[in-house]
C-alpha atoms as a PDB file:
ATOM      1  CA  MET A   1      -4.493  14.102  13.831  1.00  0.00           C
ATOM      2  CA  GLU A   2      -4.181  15.626  17.290  1.00  0.00           C
ATOM      3  CA  GLU A   3      -6.276  12.818  18.837  1.00  0.00           C
ATOM      4  CA  SER A   4      -4.032  10.210  17.189  1.00  0.00           C
ATOM      5  CA  LEU A   5      -0.977  11.833  18.692  1.00  0.00           C
ATOM      6  CA  LYS A   6      -2.583  11.737  22.143  1.00  0.00           C
ATOM      7  CA  VAL A   7      -3.335   8.020  21.783  1.00  0.00           C
ATOM      8  CA  ILE A   8       0.187   7.261  20.594  1.00  0.00           C
ATOM      9  CA  ASP A   9       1.715   9.468  23.270  1.00  0.00           C
ATOM     10  CA  GLN A  10      -0.186   7.535  25.924  1.00  0.00           C
ATOM     11  CA  PHE A  11       0.910   4.257  24.355  1.00  0.00           C
ATOM     12  CA  LEU A  12       4.541   5.341  24.491  1.00  0.00           C
ATOM     13  CA  ARG A  13       4.237   6.468  28.094  1.00  0.00           C
ATOM     14  CA  ASP A  14       2.682   3.154  29.085  1.00  0.00           C
ATOM     15  CA  PHE A  15       4.853   0.789  27.083  1.00  0.00           C
ATOM     16  CA  ALA A  16       8.114   2.540  26.096  1.00  0.00           C
ATOM     17  CA  PRO A  17      10.339   0.358  28.323  1.00  0.00           C
ATOM     18  CA  GLU A  18       8.922  -2.751  26.668  1.00  0.00           C
ATOM     19  CA  VAL A  19       9.694  -1.583  23.119  1.00  0.00           C
ATOM     20  CA  VAL A  20      13.429  -2.149  23.485  1.00  0.00           C
ATOM     21  CA  GLY A  21      14.704  -5.467  22.125  1.00  0.00           C
ATOM     22  CA  LEU A  22      11.869  -6.261  19.752  1.00  0.00           C
ATOM     23  CA  SER A  23      11.999  -8.509  16.725  1.00  0.00           C
ATOM     24  CA  SER A  24      12.534  -6.818  13.372  1.00  0.00           C
ATOM     25  CA  GLU A  25      10.198  -8.795  11.160  1.00  0.00           C
ATOM     26  CA  ALA A  26       9.337  -7.285   7.793  1.00  0.00           C
ATOM     27  CA  LEU A  27       6.017  -5.491   7.664  1.00  0.00           C
ATOM     28  CA  THR A  28       3.220  -6.905   5.587  1.00  0.00           C
ATOM     29  CA  PRO A  29       1.160  -4.548   3.426  1.00  0.00           C
ATOM     30  CA  GLU A  30      -1.765  -5.217   5.780  1.00  0.00           C
ATOM     31  CA  MET A  31       0.293  -4.145   8.800  1.00  0.00           C
ATOM     32  CA  GLU A  32       1.477  -0.998   7.011  1.00  0.00           C
ATOM     33  CA  GLU A  33      -2.143  -0.113   6.225  1.00  0.00           C
ATOM     34  CA  LYS A  34      -3.192  -0.592   9.846  1.00  0.00           C
ATOM     35  CA  ILE A  35      -0.350   1.658  10.994  1.00  0.00           C
ATOM     36  CA  ARG A  36      -1.344   4.288   8.426  1.00  0.00           C
ATOM     37  CA  LEU A  37      -4.910   4.182   9.709  1.00  0.00           C
ATOM     38  CA  LEU A  38      -3.688   4.468  13.304  1.00  0.00           C
ATOM     39  CA  SER A  39      -1.474   7.445  12.546  1.00  0.00           C
ATOM     40  CA  ASP A  40      -4.398   9.103  10.715  1.00  0.00           C
ATOM     41  CA  GLY A  41      -6.731   8.489  13.667  1.00  0.00           C
ATOM     42  CA  LYS A  42      -8.980   6.196  11.645  1.00  0.00           C
ATOM     43  CA  LEU A  43      -8.528   2.892  13.454  1.00  0.00           C
ATOM     44  CA  GLY A  44     -11.248   1.580  15.753  1.00  0.00           C
ATOM     45  CA  GLU A  45     -10.620   0.878  19.416  1.00  0.00           C
ATOM     46  CA  GLU A  46     -10.483  -2.902  19.097  1.00  0.00           C
ATOM     47  CA  GLU A  47      -8.113  -2.683  16.141  1.00  0.00           C
ATOM     48  CA  ARG A  48      -5.929  -0.176  18.034  1.00  0.00           C
ATOM     49  CA  HIS A  49      -5.558  -2.605  20.933  1.00  0.00           C
ATOM     50  CA  SER A  50      -4.630  -5.406  18.564  1.00  0.00           C
ATOM     51  CA  LEU A  51      -2.148  -3.214  16.724  1.00  0.00           C
ATOM     52  CA  CYS A  52      -0.554  -2.086  19.989  1.00  0.00           C
ATOM     53  CA  ARG A  53       0.331  -5.689  20.735  1.00  0.00           C
ATOM     54  CA  GLU A  54       1.967  -5.925  17.311  1.00  0.00           C
ATOM     55  CA  LEU A  55       3.892  -2.714  17.927  1.00  0.00           C
ATOM     56  CA  LEU A  56       5.184  -4.098  21.200  1.00  0.00           C
ATOM     57  CA  SER A  57       6.550  -7.173  19.488  1.00  0.00           C
ATOM     58  CA  ASN A  58       7.892  -5.789  16.216  1.00  0.00           C
ATOM     59  CA  ARG A  59      10.508  -3.050  16.104  1.00  0.00           C
ATOM     60  CA  SER A  60       9.986  -2.522  12.358  1.00  0.00           C
ATOM     61  CA  ALA A  61       6.300  -1.807  12.914  1.00  0.00           C
ATOM     62  CA  PHE A  62       7.084   0.594  15.730  1.00  0.00           C
ATOM     63  CA  GLU A  63       9.686   2.441  13.645  1.00  0.00           C
ATOM     64  CA  TYR A  64       7.258   2.668  10.724  1.00  0.00           C
ATOM     65  CA  LEU A  65       4.702   4.288  13.011  1.00  0.00           C
ATOM     66  CA  VAL A  66       7.270   6.777  14.290  1.00  0.00           C
ATOM     67  CA  GLU A  67       8.264   7.722  10.723  1.00  0.00           C
ATOM     68  CA  ARG A  68       4.601   8.200   9.755  1.00  0.00           C
ATOM     69  CA  LEU A  69       4.107  10.507  12.720  1.00  0.00           C
ATOM     70  CA  LYS A  70       7.254  12.492  11.951  1.00  0.00           C
ATOM     71  CA  SER A  71       6.133  12.955   8.355  1.00  0.00           C
ATOM     72  CA  ALA A  72       2.659  14.047   9.431  1.00  0.00           C
ATOM     73  CA  ARG A  73       4.044  16.509  11.921  1.00  0.00           C
ATOM     74  CA  ALA A  74       6.489  17.942   9.377  1.00  0.00           C
ATOM     75  CA  GLY A  75       3.588  18.389   6.954  1.00  0.00           C
ATOM     76  CA  GLU A  76       1.599  20.312   9.576  1.00  0.00           C
ATOM     77  CA  GLU A  77       4.486  22.695  10.204  1.00  0.00           C
ATOM     78  CA  HIS A  78       4.661  23.801   6.547  1.00  0.00           C
END
């Protein structure tokens, strides 16, 4: 989990200004699964790069990732 947070932290540092003003398309089940795998640290490098592009263009996807990370972190604190 810690490695996933590092990857996502770096993503946010690199691209945070670009996340504002994204579309809010509904997430497909496939996209939700990819985000779950990313947040669990189980997504390969090529898939991570592809997903990052999706996150940059879809506010709903980005918010779903943030909620997954918050939930994971809350679970670690208990």
